[in-house]
Amino acid sequence: MLKTIVMTTIDKITHAIIINEIAANANHEIKFTPYYKGLLKNRLNQLLPELYKCSEDYDSLFNNKEESTKTVYDIYNEYIKGISSIPIQECENITLIIKAYRKDREAIEEVINKIL
């Protein structure tokens, strides 16, 4: 049986702040690509100032809990890079891996350790 994880309000806010920081950083990088023109440029110019507002919250969170915030940020960032590198047609396999992990974490970790 899957264990339901209940997030507290502070957990939800912390996750949102970190995800917004990652989004701000990733979307900022689009400015330095050939795709930064037209409608995308217009929308990013509207979006980025809103995401940058969250950066103040991130900075405050980071300054108060520097090590744990950096760890969570790095995990999210690595996860996003990893998942976005998988072709969409293969994502069903990733979903199955997650289901298997939830069903038997130890068995999946053994397989991972053998492969990696």
PDB file of N, CA and C in Angstrom:
ATOM      1  N   MET A   1       0.839  -1.176   0.000  1.00  0.00           N
ATOM      2  CA  MET A   1       0.000   0.000   0.000  1.00  0.00           C
ATOM      3  C   MET A   1       0.886   1.243   0.000  1.00  0.00           C
ATOM      4  N   LEU A   2       0.519   2.217  -0.817  1.00  0.00           N
ATOM      5  CA  LEU A   2       1.296   3.448  -0.903  1.00  0.00           C
ATOM      6  C   LEU A   2       1.069   4.305   0.326  1.00  0.00           C
ATOM      7  N   LYS A   3       2.114   4.892   0.790  1.00  0.00           N
ATOM      8  CA  LYS A   3       2.037   5.780   1.935  1.00  0.00           C
ATOM      9  C   LYS A   3       1.712   7.185   1.436  1.00  0.00           C
ATOM     10  N   THR A   4       0.706   7.790   2.006  1.00  0.00           N
ATOM     11  CA  THR A   4       0.340   9.149   1.639  1.00  0.00           C
ATOM     12  C   THR A   4       1.188  10.117   2.448  1.00  0.00           C
ATOM     13  N   ILE A   5       1.822  11.021   1.742  1.00  0.00           N
ATOM     14  CA  ILE A   5       2.649  12.023   2.404  1.00  0.00           C
ATOM     15  C   ILE A   5       1.838  13.307   2.488  1.00  0.00           C
ATOM     16  N   VAL A   6       1.670  13.794   3.691  1.00  0.00           N
ATOM     17  CA  VAL A   6       0.919  15.025   3.895  1.00  0.00           C
ATOM     18  C   VAL A   6       1.923  16.155   4.104  1.00  0.00           C
ATOM     19  N   MET A   7       1.819  17.144   3.237  1.00  0.00           N
ATOM     20  CA  MET A   7       2.719  18.285   3.347  1.00  0.00           C
ATOM     21  C   MET A   7       2.070  19.357   4.202  1.00  0.00           C
ATOM     22  N   THR A   8       2.850  19.938   5.082  1.00  0.00           N
ATOM     23  CA  THR A   8       2.354  21.053   5.870  1.00  0.00           C
ATOM     24  C   THR A   8       2.319  22.300   4.995  1.00  0.00           C
ATOM     25  N   THR A   9       1.680  23.327   5.475  1.00  0.00           N
ATOM     26  CA  THR A   9       1.622  24.585   4.732  1.00  0.00           C
ATOM     27  C   THR A   9       3.019  25.117   4.483  1.00  0.00           C
ATOM     28  N   ILE A  10       3.895  25.053   5.460  1.00  0.00           N
ATOM     29  CA  ILE A  10       5.259  25.564   5.286  1.00  0.00           C
ATOM     30  C   ILE A  10       6.009  24.715   4.263  1.00  0.00           C
ATOM     31  N   ASP A  11       5.751  23.389   4.234  1.00  0.00           N
ATOM     32  CA  ASP A  11       6.364  22.537   3.215  1.00  0.00           C
ATOM     33  C   ASP A  11       5.922  22.979   1.821  1.00  0.00           C
ATOM     34  N   LYS A  12       4.631  23.220   1.664  1.00  0.00           N
ATOM     35  CA  LYS A  12       4.090  23.637   0.368  1.00  0.00           C
ATOM     36  C   LYS A  12       4.693  24.969  -0.065  1.00  0.00           C
ATOM     37  N   ILE A  13       4.799  25.896   0.850  1.00  0.00           N
ATOM     38  CA  ILE A  13       5.368  27.208   0.530  1.00  0.00           C
ATOM     39  C   ILE A  13       6.845  27.067   0.171  1.00  0.00           C
ATOM     40  N   THR A  14       7.570  26.262   0.934  1.00  0.00           N
ATOM     41  CA  THR A  14       8.991  26.042   0.670  1.00  0.00           C
ATOM     42  C   THR A  14       9.192  25.430  -0.714  1.00  0.00           C
ATOM     43  N   HIS A  15       8.393  24.419  -1.034  1.00  0.00           N
ATOM     44  CA  HIS A  15       8.504  23.790  -2.355  1.00  0.00           C
ATOM     45  C   HIS A  15       8.187  24.798  -3.454  1.00  0.00           C
ATOM     46  N   ALA A  16       7.146  25.589  -3.274  1.00  0.00           N
ATOM     47  CA  ALA A  16       6.768  26.577  -4.292  1.00  0.00           C
ATOM     48  C   ALA A  16       7.876  27.608  -4.491  1.00  0.00           C
ATOM     49  N   ILE A  17       8.472  28.062  -3.412  1.00  0.00           N
ATOM     50  CA  ILE A  17       9.545  29.053  -3.507  1.00  0.00           C
ATOM     51  C   ILE A  17      10.728  28.476  -4.276  1.00  0.00           C
ATOM     52  N   ILE A  18      11.115  27.250  -3.957  1.00  0.00           N
ATOM     53  CA  ILE A  18      12.265  26.633  -4.625  1.00  0.00           C
ATOM     54  C   ILE A  18      11.956  26.369  -6.095  1.00  0.00           C
ATOM     55  N   ILE A  19      10.757  25.864  -6.392  1.00  0.00           N
ATOM     56  CA  ILE A  19      10.392  25.601  -7.787  1.00  0.00           C
ATOM     57  C   ILE A  19      10.347  26.903  -8.582  1.00  0.00           C
ATOM     58  N   ASN A  20       9.833  27.976  -7.993  1.00  0.00           N
ATOM     59  CA  ASN A  20       9.818  29.267  -8.679  1.00  0.00           C
ATOM     60  C   ASN A  20      11.223  29.777  -8.952  1.00  0.00           C
ATOM     61  N   GLU A  21      12.134  29.538  -8.038  1.00  0.00           N
ATOM     62  CA  GLU A  21      13.524  29.956  -8.245  1.00  0.00           C
ATOM     63  C   GLU A  21      14.143  29.184  -9.414  1.00  0.00           C
ATOM     64  N   ILE A  22      13.900  27.882  -9.458  1.00  0.00           N
ATOM     65  CA  ILE A  22      14.403  27.075 -10.569  1.00  0.00           C
ATOM     66  C   ILE A  22      13.784  27.551 -11.879  1.00  0.00           C
ATOM     67  N   ALA A  23      12.479  27.819 -11.869  1.00  0.00           N
ATOM     68  CA  ALA A  23      11.792  28.303 -13.078  1.00  0.00           C
ATOM     69  C   ALA A  23      12.367  29.643 -13.523  1.00  0.00           C
ATOM     70  N   ALA A  24      12.610  30.532 -12.581  1.00  0.00           N
ATOM     71  CA  ALA A  24      13.179  31.842 -12.936  1.00  0.00           C
ATOM     72  C   ALA A  24      14.547  31.667 -13.592  1.00  0.00           C
ATOM     73  N   ASN A  25      15.382  30.807 -13.010  1.00  0.00           N
ATOM     74  CA  ASN A  25      16.715  30.585 -13.564  1.00  0.00           C
ATOM     75  C   ASN A  25      16.638  29.945 -14.950  1.00  0.00           C
ATOM     76  N   ALA A  26      15.786  28.948 -15.114  1.00  0.00           N
ATOM     77  CA  ALA A  26      15.669  28.259 -16.404  1.00  0.00           C
ATOM     78  C   ALA A  26      15.099  29.182 -17.472  1.00  0.00           C
ATOM     79  N   ASN A  27      14.062  29.926 -17.134  1.00  0.00           N
ATOM     80  CA  ASN A  27      13.451  30.824 -18.111  1.00  0.00           C
ATOM     81  C   ASN A  27      14.366  31.993 -18.453  1.00  0.00           C
ATOM     82  N   HIS A  28      15.169  32.446 -17.502  1.00  0.00           N
ATOM     83  CA  HIS A  28      16.129  33.514 -17.767  1.00  0.00           C
ATOM     84  C   HIS A  28      17.122  33.080 -18.844  1.00  0.00           C
ATOM     85  N   GLU A  29      17.519  31.813 -18.820  1.00  0.00           N
ATOM     86  CA  GLU A  29      18.490  31.299 -19.784  1.00  0.00           C
ATOM     87  C   GLU A  29      17.964  31.331 -21.220  1.00  0.00           C
ATOM     88  N   ILE A  30      16.650  31.306 -21.383  1.00  0.00           N
ATOM     89  CA  ILE A  30      16.074  31.366 -22.733  1.00  0.00           C
ATOM     90  C   ILE A  30      16.425  32.690 -23.405  1.00  0.00           C
ATOM     91  N   LYS A  31      16.661  33.730 -22.622  1.00  0.00           N
ATOM     92  CA  LYS A  31      17.035  35.028 -23.192  1.00  0.00           C
ATOM     93  C   LYS A  31      18.288  34.938 -24.057  1.00  0.00           C
ATOM     94  N   PHE A  32      19.103  33.938 -23.836  1.00  0.00           N
ATOM     95  CA  PHE A  32      20.376  33.821 -24.533  1.00  0.00           C
ATOM     96  C   PHE A  32      20.330  32.756 -25.632  1.00  0.00           C
ATOM     97  N   THR A  33      19.127  32.503 -26.143  1.00  0.00           N
ATOM     98  CA  THR A  33      18.960  31.535 -27.229  1.00  0.00           C
ATOM     99  C   THR A  33      18.327  32.231 -28.429  1.00  0.00           C
ATOM    100  N   PRO A  34      18.385  31.598 -29.586  1.00  0.00           N
ATOM    101  CA  PRO A  34      17.735  32.180 -30.774  1.00  0.00           C
ATOM    102  C   PRO A  34      16.210  32.183 -30.675  1.00  0.00           C
ATOM    103  N   TYR A  35      15.640  31.485 -29.700  1.00  0.00           N
ATOM    104  CA  TYR A  35      14.189  31.409 -29.557  1.00  0.00           C
ATOM    105  C   TYR A  35      13.604  32.609 -28.809  1.00  0.00           C
ATOM    106  N   TYR A  36      14.466  33.449 -28.290  1.00  0.00           N
ATOM    107  CA  TYR A  36      14.014  34.609 -27.516  1.00  0.00           C
ATOM    108  C   TYR A  36      13.610  35.732 -28.470  1.00  0.00           C
ATOM    109  N   LYS A  37      12.415  35.580 -29.026  1.00  0.00           N
ATOM    110  CA  LYS A  37      11.884  36.582 -29.942  1.00  0.00           C
ATOM    111  C   LYS A  37      10.375  36.416 -30.016  1.00  0.00           C
ATOM    112  N   GLY A  38       9.726  37.395 -30.553  1.00  0.00           N
ATOM    113  CA  GLY A  38       8.288  37.341 -30.788  1.00  0.00           C
ATOM    114  C   GLY A  38       7.475  37.130 -29.526  1.00  0.00           C
ATOM    115  N   LEU A  39       6.487  36.257 -29.625  1.00  0.00           N
ATOM    116  CA  LEU A  39       5.559  36.010 -28.531  1.00  0.00           C
ATOM    117  C   LEU A  39       6.269  35.443 -27.299  1.00  0.00           C
ATOM    118  N   LEU A  40       7.234  34.539 -27.517  1.00  0.00           N
ATOM    119  CA  LEU A  40       7.953  33.968 -26.376  1.00  0.00           C
ATOM    120  C   LEU A  40       8.693  35.057 -25.608  1.00  0.00           C
ATOM    121  N   LYS A  41       9.348  35.959 -26.318  1.00  0.00           N
ATOM    122  CA  LYS A  41      10.054  37.066 -25.677  1.00  0.00           C
ATOM    123  C   LYS A  41       9.071  37.924 -24.884  1.00  0.00           C
ATOM    124  N   ASN A  42       7.928  38.213 -25.492  1.00  0.00           N
ATOM    125  CA  ASN A  42       6.907  39.023 -24.828  1.00  0.00           C
ATOM    126  C   ASN A  42       6.428  38.349 -23.542  1.00  0.00           C
ATOM    127  N   ARG A  43       6.138  37.057 -23.626  1.00  0.00           N
ATOM    128  CA  ARG A  43       5.623  36.334 -22.455  1.00  0.00           C
ATOM    129  C   ARG A  43       6.685  36.201 -21.361  1.00  0.00           C
ATOM    130  N   LEU A  44       7.919  35.946 -21.764  1.00  0.00           N
ATOM    131  CA  LEU A  44       8.992  35.843 -20.767  1.00  0.00           C
ATOM    132  C   LEU A  44       9.216  37.183 -20.077  1.00  0.00           C
ATOM    133  N   ASN A  45       9.107  38.270 -20.829  1.00  0.00           N
ATOM    134  CA  ASN A  45       9.274  39.595 -20.234  1.00  0.00           C
ATOM    135  C   ASN A  45       8.165  39.900 -19.233  1.00  0.00           C
ATOM    136  N   GLN A  46       7.013  39.249 -19.384  1.00  0.00           N
ATOM    137  CA  GLN A  46       5.941  39.391 -18.399  1.00  0.00           C
ATOM    138  C   GLN A  46       6.139  38.442 -17.223  1.00  0.00           C
ATOM    139  N   LEU A  47       6.607  37.229 -17.517  1.00  0.00           N
ATOM    140  CA  LEU A  47       6.750  36.196 -16.500  1.00  0.00           C
ATOM    141  C   LEU A  47       7.932  36.423 -15.563  1.00  0.00           C
ATOM    142  N   LEU A  48       9.076  36.746 -16.130  1.00  0.00           N
ATOM    143  CA  LEU A  48      10.294  36.816 -15.320  1.00  0.00           C
ATOM    144  C   LEU A  48      10.211  37.797 -14.155  1.00  0.00           C
ATOM    145  N   PRO A  49       9.670  39.006 -14.332  1.00  0.00           N
ATOM    146  CA  PRO A  49       9.564  39.894 -13.166  1.00  0.00           C
ATOM    147  C   PRO A  49       8.739  39.287 -12.031  1.00  0.00           C
ATOM    148  N   GLU A  50       7.715  38.512 -12.388  1.00  0.00           N
ATOM    149  CA  GLU A  50       6.899  37.861 -11.356  1.00  0.00           C
ATOM    150  C   GLU A  50       7.696  36.765 -10.644  1.00  0.00           C
ATOM    151  N   LEU A  51       8.463  36.001 -11.421  1.00  0.00           N
ATOM    152  CA  LEU A  51       9.285  34.961 -10.803  1.00  0.00           C
ATOM    153  C   LEU A  51      10.403  35.574  -9.964  1.00  0.00           C
ATOM    154  N   TYR A  52      10.953  36.705 -10.429  1.00  0.00           N
ATOM    155  CA  TYR A  52      12.021  37.365  -9.666  1.00  0.00           C
ATOM    156  C   TYR A  52      11.526  37.840  -8.307  1.00  0.00           C
ATOM    157  N   LYS A  53      10.243  38.166  -8.208  1.00  0.00           N
ATOM    158  CA  LYS A  53       9.683  38.557  -6.909  1.00  0.00           C
ATOM    159  C   LYS A  53       9.839  37.421  -5.898  1.00  0.00           C
ATOM    160  N   CYS A  54       9.713  36.193  -6.393  1.00  0.00           N
ATOM    161  CA  CYS A  54       9.877  35.031  -5.511  1.00  0.00           C
ATOM    162  C   CYS A  54      11.327  34.849  -5.092  1.00  0.00           C
ATOM    163  N   SER A  55      12.252  35.416  -5.860  1.00  0.00           N
ATOM    164  CA  SER A  55      13.666  35.292  -5.522  1.00  0.00           C
ATOM    165  C   SER A  55      13.967  35.900  -4.160  1.00  0.00           C
ATOM    166  N   GLU A  56      13.242  36.957  -3.814  1.00  0.00           N
ATOM    167  CA  GLU A  56      13.427  37.551  -2.480  1.00  0.00           C
ATOM    168  C   GLU A  56      13.047  36.538  -1.408  1.00  0.00           C
ATOM    169  N   ASP A  57      11.953  35.797  -1.640  1.00  0.00           N
ATOM    170  CA  ASP A  57      11.559  34.757  -0.690  1.00  0.00           C
ATOM    171  C   ASP A  57      12.600  33.651  -0.643  1.00  0.00           C
ATOM    172  N   TYR A  58      13.119  33.281  -1.827  1.00  0.00           N
ATOM    173  CA  TYR A  58      14.148  32.244  -1.888  1.00  0.00           C
ATOM    174  C   TYR A  58      15.390  32.690  -1.130  1.00  0.00           C
ATOM    175  N   ASP A  59      15.814  33.928  -1.358  1.00  0.00           N
ATOM    176  CA  ASP A  59      17.000  34.450  -0.670  1.00  0.00           C
ATOM    177  C   ASP A  59      16.804  34.417   0.841  1.00  0.00           C
ATOM    178  N   SER A  60      15.618  34.813   1.285  1.00  0.00           N
ATOM    179  CA  SER A  60      15.317  34.798   2.715  1.00  0.00           C
ATOM    180  C   SER A  60      15.352  33.374   3.248  1.00  0.00           C
ATOM    181  N   LEU A  61      14.726  32.460   2.521  1.00  0.00           N
ATOM    182  CA  LEU A  61      14.721  31.050   2.915  1.00  0.00           C
ATOM    183  C   LEU A  61      16.135  30.497   2.910  1.00  0.00           C
ATOM    184  N   PHE A  62      16.902  30.811   1.855  1.00  0.00           N
ATOM    185  CA  PHE A  62      18.269  30.323   1.733  1.00  0.00           C
ATOM    186  C   PHE A  62      19.139  30.848   2.879  1.00  0.00           C
ATOM    187  N   ASN A  63      18.983  32.126   3.216  1.00  0.00           N
ATOM    188  CA  ASN A  63      19.792  32.713   4.286  1.00  0.00           C
ATOM    189  C   ASN A  63      19.464  32.111   5.646  1.00  0.00           C
ATOM    190  N   ASN A  64      18.215  31.701   5.841  1.00  0.00           N
ATOM    191  CA  ASN A  64      17.820  31.117   7.129  1.00  0.00           C
ATOM    192  C   ASN A  64      18.160  29.638   7.232  1.00  0.00           C
ATOM    193  N   LYS A  65      18.059  28.922   6.124  1.00  0.00           N
ATOM    194  CA  LYS A  65      18.288  27.475   6.114  1.00  0.00           C
ATOM    195  C   LYS A  65      19.185  27.121   4.933  1.00  0.00           C
ATOM    196  N   GLU A  66      20.343  27.749   4.875  1.00  0.00           N
ATOM    197  CA  GLU A  66      21.202  27.675   3.702  1.00  0.00           C
ATOM    198  C   GLU A  66      21.475  26.252   3.227  1.00  0.00           C
ATOM    199  N   GLU A  67      21.959  25.403   4.099  1.00  0.00           N
ATOM    200  CA  GLU A  67      22.374  24.063   3.665  1.00  0.00           C
ATOM    201  C   GLU A  67      21.190  23.233   3.182  1.00  0.00           C
ATOM    202  N   SER A  68      20.104  23.197   3.955  1.00  0.00           N
ATOM    203  CA  SER A  68      18.966  22.373   3.554  1.00  0.00           C
ATOM    204  C   SER A  68      18.283  22.937   2.312  1.00  0.00           C
ATOM    205  N   THR A  69      18.216  24.256   2.183  1.00  0.00           N
ATOM    206  CA  THR A  69      17.599  24.862   1.003  1.00  0.00           C
ATOM    207  C   THR A  69      18.418  24.541  -0.235  1.00  0.00           C
ATOM    208  N   LYS A  70      19.728  24.643  -0.137  1.00  0.00           N
ATOM    209  CA  LYS A  70      20.588  24.338  -1.284  1.00  0.00           C
ATOM    210  C   LYS A  70      20.451  22.871  -1.672  1.00  0.00           C
ATOM    211  N   THR A  71      20.372  21.991  -0.687  1.00  0.00           N
ATOM    212  CA  THR A  71      20.224  20.566  -0.965  1.00  0.00           C
ATOM    213  C   THR A  71      18.924  20.295  -1.717  1.00  0.00           C
ATOM    214  N   VAL A  72      17.820  20.858  -1.232  1.00  0.00           N
ATOM    215  CA  VAL A  72      16.520  20.656  -1.887  1.00  0.00           C
ATOM    216  C   VAL A  72      16.540  21.263  -3.287  1.00  0.00           C
ATOM    217  N   TYR A  73      17.108  22.457  -3.427  1.00  0.00           N
ATOM    218  CA  TYR A  73      17.210  23.103  -4.739  1.00  0.00           C
ATOM    219  C   TYR A  73      17.985  22.213  -5.709  1.00  0.00           C
ATOM    220  N   ASP A  74      19.119  21.698  -5.262  1.00  0.00           N
ATOM    221  CA  ASP A  74      19.950  20.852  -6.123  1.00  0.00           C
ATOM    222  C   ASP A  74      19.216  19.578  -6.542  1.00  0.00           C
ATOM    223  N   ILE A  75      18.452  18.986  -5.607  1.00  0.00           N
ATOM    224  CA  ILE A  75      17.686  17.778  -5.926  1.00  0.00           C
ATOM    225  C   ILE A  75      16.629  18.087  -6.972  1.00  0.00           C
ATOM    226  N   TYR A  76      15.863  19.157  -6.779  1.00  0.00           N
ATOM    227  CA  TYR A  76      14.850  19.549  -7.762  1.00  0.00           C
ATOM    228  C   TYR A  76      15.484  19.828  -9.117  1.00  0.00           C
ATOM    229  N   ASN A  77      16.551  20.577  -9.100  1.00  0.00           N
ATOM    230  CA  ASN A  77      17.211  20.958 -10.345  1.00  0.00           C
ATOM    231  C   ASN A  77      17.706  19.730 -11.101  1.00  0.00           C
ATOM    232  N   GLU A  78      18.335  18.800 -10.402  1.00  0.00           N
ATOM    233  CA  GLU A  78      18.829  17.573 -11.028  1.00  0.00           C
ATOM    234  C   GLU A  78      17.670  16.728 -11.543  1.00  0.00           C
ATOM    235  N   TYR A  79      16.591  16.667 -10.778  1.00  0.00           N
ATOM    236  CA  TYR A  79      15.399  15.927 -11.199  1.00  0.00           C
ATOM    237  C   TYR A  79      14.834  16.506 -12.497  1.00  0.00           C
ATOM    238  N   ILE A  80      14.699  17.817 -12.548  1.00  0.00           N
ATOM    239  CA  ILE A  80      14.139  18.471 -13.732  1.00  0.00           C
ATOM    240  C   ILE A  80      15.035  18.239 -14.939  1.00  0.00           C
ATOM    241  N   LYS A  81      16.342  18.366 -14.758  1.00  0.00           N
ATOM    242  CA  LYS A  81      17.268  18.103 -15.870  1.00  0.00           C
ATOM    243  C   LYS A  81      17.149  16.659 -16.345  1.00  0.00           C
ATOM    244  N   GLY A  82      17.084  15.729 -15.404  1.00  0.00           N
ATOM    245  CA  GLY A  82      17.002  14.320 -15.750  1.00  0.00           C
ATOM    246  C   GLY A  82      15.708  13.970 -16.466  1.00  0.00           C
ATOM    247  N   ILE A  83      14.597  14.397 -15.915  1.00  0.00           N
ATOM    248  CA  ILE A  83      13.300  14.042 -16.486  1.00  0.00           C
ATOM    249  C   ILE A  83      13.097  14.712 -17.838  1.00  0.00           C
ATOM    250  N   SER A  84      13.622  15.920 -18.006  1.00  0.00           N
ATOM    251  CA  SER A  84      13.445  16.610 -19.288  1.00  0.00           C
ATOM    252  C   SER A  84      14.362  16.053 -20.381  1.00  0.00           C
ATOM    253  N   SER A  85      15.327  15.245 -19.993  1.00  0.00           N
ATOM    254  CA  SER A  85      16.218  14.659 -20.994  1.00  0.00           C
ATOM    255  C   SER A  85      15.650  13.369 -21.592  1.00  0.00           C
ATOM    256  N   ILE A  86      14.540  12.897 -21.051  1.00  0.00           N
ATOM    257  CA  ILE A  86      13.930  11.658 -21.529  1.00  0.00           C
ATOM    258  C   ILE A  86      12.884  11.988 -22.584  1.00  0.00           C
ATOM    259  N   PRO A  87      12.962  11.350 -23.746  1.00  0.00           N
ATOM    260  CA  PRO A  87      11.955  11.594 -24.780  1.00  0.00           C
ATOM    261  C   PRO A  87      10.553  11.278 -24.252  1.00  0.00           C
ATOM    262  N   ILE A  88       9.583  12.079 -24.653  1.00  0.00           N
ATOM    263  CA  ILE A  88       8.229  11.951 -24.127  1.00  0.00           C
ATOM    264  C   ILE A  88       7.669  10.552 -24.335  1.00  0.00           C
ATOM    265  N   GLN A  89       8.013   9.904 -25.450  1.00  0.00           N
ATOM    266  CA  GLN A  89       7.484   8.572 -25.716  1.00  0.00           C
ATOM    267  C   GLN A  89       8.023   7.528 -24.749  1.00  0.00           C
ATOM    268  N   GLU A  90       9.081   7.853 -24.007  1.00  0.00           N
ATOM    269  CA  GLU A  90       9.642   6.924 -23.024  1.00  0.00           C
ATOM    270  C   GLU A  90       9.183   7.227 -21.599  1.00  0.00           C
ATOM    271  N   CYS A  91       8.413   8.274 -21.415  1.00  0.00           N
ATOM    272  CA  CYS A  91       7.997   8.679 -20.074  1.00  0.00           C
ATOM    273  C   CYS A  91       7.067   7.668 -19.406  1.00  0.00           C
ATOM    274  N   GLU A  92       6.361   6.876 -20.205  1.00  0.00           N
ATOM    275  CA  GLU A  92       5.522   5.837 -19.604  1.00  0.00           C
ATOM    276  C   GLU A  92       6.394   4.865 -18.806  1.00  0.00           C
ATOM    277  N   ASN A  93       7.584   4.563 -19.332  1.00  0.00           N
ATOM    278  CA  ASN A  93       8.510   3.684 -18.608  1.00  0.00           C
ATOM    279  C   ASN A  93       8.932   4.306 -17.283  1.00  0.00           C
ATOM    280  N   ILE A  94       9.156   5.607 -17.281  1.00  0.00           N
ATOM    281  CA  ILE A  94       9.540   6.300 -16.047  1.00  0.00           C
ATOM    282  C   ILE A  94       8.406   6.203 -15.031  1.00  0.00           C
ATOM    283  N   THR A  95       7.175   6.338 -15.506  1.00  0.00           N
ATOM    284  CA  THR A  95       6.014   6.213 -14.624  1.00  0.00           C
ATOM    285  C   THR A  95       5.967   4.819 -14.006  1.00  0.00           C
ATOM    286  N   LEU A  96       6.270   3.807 -14.802  1.00  0.00           N
ATOM    287  CA  LEU A  96       6.292   2.440 -14.269  1.00  0.00           C
ATOM    288  C   LEU A  96       7.400   2.262 -13.234  1.00  0.00           C
ATOM    289  N   ILE A  97       8.532   2.876 -13.486  1.00  0.00           N
ATOM    290  CA  ILE A  97       9.634   2.807 -12.521  1.00  0.00           C
ATOM    291  C   ILE A  97       9.215   3.456 -11.202  1.00  0.00           C
ATOM    292  N   ILE A  98       8.536   4.572 -11.286  1.00  0.00           N
ATOM    293  CA  ILE A  98       8.071   5.258 -10.064  1.00  0.00           C
ATOM    294  C   ILE A  98       7.063   4.389  -9.326  1.00  0.00           C
ATOM    295  N   LYS A  99       6.136   3.774 -10.061  1.00  0.00           N
ATOM    296  CA  LYS A  99       5.159   2.874  -9.424  1.00  0.00           C
ATOM    297  C   LYS A  99       5.877   1.721  -8.726  1.00  0.00           C
ATOM    298  N   ALA A 100       6.871   1.138  -9.394  1.00  0.00           N
ATOM    299  CA  ALA A 100       7.631   0.040  -8.797  1.00  0.00           C
ATOM    300  C   ALA A 100       8.383   0.517  -7.550  1.00  0.00           C
ATOM    301  N   TYR A 101       8.931   1.715  -7.608  1.00  0.00           N
ATOM    302  CA  TYR A 101       9.654   2.281  -6.471  1.00  0.00           C
ATOM    303  C   TYR A 101       8.722   2.447  -5.274  1.00  0.00           C
ATOM    304  N   ARG A 102       7.524   2.938  -5.551  1.00  0.00           N
ATOM    305  CA  ARG A 102       6.552   3.121  -4.459  1.00  0.00           C
ATOM    306  C   ARG A 102       6.109   1.785  -3.873  1.00  0.00           C
ATOM    307  N   LYS A 103       6.067   0.769  -4.709  1.00  0.00           N
ATOM    308  CA  LYS A 103       5.622  -0.553  -4.254  1.00  0.00           C
ATOM    309  C   LYS A 103       6.716  -1.270  -3.465  1.00  0.00           C
ATOM    310  N   ASP A 104       7.960  -1.187  -3.945  1.00  0.00           N
ATOM    311  CA  ASP A 104       9.062  -1.894  -3.281  1.00  0.00           C
ATOM    312  C   ASP A 104      10.356  -1.105  -3.447  1.00  0.00           C
ATOM    313  N   ARG A 105      10.513  -0.112  -2.603  1.00  0.00           N
ATOM    314  CA  ARG A 105      11.657   0.792  -2.675  1.00  0.00           C
ATOM    315  C   ARG A 105      12.989   0.062  -2.597  1.00  0.00           C
ATOM    316  N   GLU A 106      13.100  -0.872  -1.661  1.00  0.00           N
ATOM    317  CA  GLU A 106      14.369  -1.568  -1.475  1.00  0.00           C
ATOM    318  C   GLU A 106      14.768  -2.364  -2.711  1.00  0.00           C
ATOM    319  N   ALA A 107      13.818  -3.030  -3.338  1.00  0.00           N
ATOM    320  CA  ALA A 107      14.121  -3.816  -4.534  1.00  0.00           C
ATOM    321  C   ALA A 107      14.596  -2.914  -5.671  1.00  0.00           C
ATOM    322  N   ILE A 108      13.939  -1.788  -5.848  1.00  0.00           N
ATOM    323  CA  ILE A 108      14.341  -0.862  -6.916  1.00  0.00           C
ATOM    324  C   ILE A 108      15.713  -0.276  -6.613  1.00  0.00           C
ATOM    325  N   GLU A 109      15.977   0.055  -5.356  1.00  0.00           N
ATOM    326  CA  GLU A 109      17.295   0.590  -4.997  1.00  0.00           C
ATOM    327  C   GLU A 109      18.392  -0.440  -5.238  1.00  0.00           C
ATOM    328  N   GLU A 110      18.096  -1.733  -5.013  1.00  0.00           N
ATOM    329  CA  GLU A 110      19.072  -2.782  -5.316  1.00  0.00           C
ATOM    330  C   GLU A 110      19.381  -2.828  -6.813  1.00  0.00           C
ATOM    331  N   VAL A 111      18.346  -2.724  -7.637  1.00  0.00           N
ATOM    332  CA  VAL A 111      18.539  -2.721  -9.083  1.00  0.00           C
ATOM    333  C   VAL A 111      19.363  -1.501  -9.496  1.00  0.00           C
ATOM    334  N   ILE A 112      19.034  -0.357  -8.939  1.00  0.00           N
ATOM    335  CA  ILE A 112      19.769   0.881  -9.250  1.00  0.00           C
ATOM    336  C   ILE A 112      21.242   0.733  -8.890  1.00  0.00           C
ATOM    337  N   ASN A 113      21.513   0.201  -7.706  1.00  0.00           N
ATOM    338  CA  ASN A 113      22.896   0.022  -7.270  1.00  0.00           C
ATOM    339  C   ASN A 113      23.666  -0.955  -8.158  1.00  0.00           C
ATOM    340  N   LYS A 114      22.996  -1.975  -8.671  1.00  0.00           N
ATOM    341  CA  LYS A 114      23.644  -2.915  -9.593  1.00  0.00           C
ATOM    342  C   LYS A 114      23.982  -2.254 -10.912  1.00  0.00           C
ATOM    343  N   ILE A 115      23.070  -1.402 -11.397  1.00  0.00           N
ATOM    344  CA  ILE A 115      23.259  -0.742 -12.690  1.00  0.00           C
ATOM    345  C   ILE A 115      24.267   0.389 -12.591  1.00  0.00           C
ATOM    346  N   LEU A 116      24.165   1.197 -11.568  1.00  0.00           N
ATOM    347  CA  LEU A 116      25.038   2.348 -11.449  1.00  0.00           C
ATOM    348  C   LEU A 116      26.297   2.007 -10.675  1.00  0.00           C
TER     349      LEU A 116
END
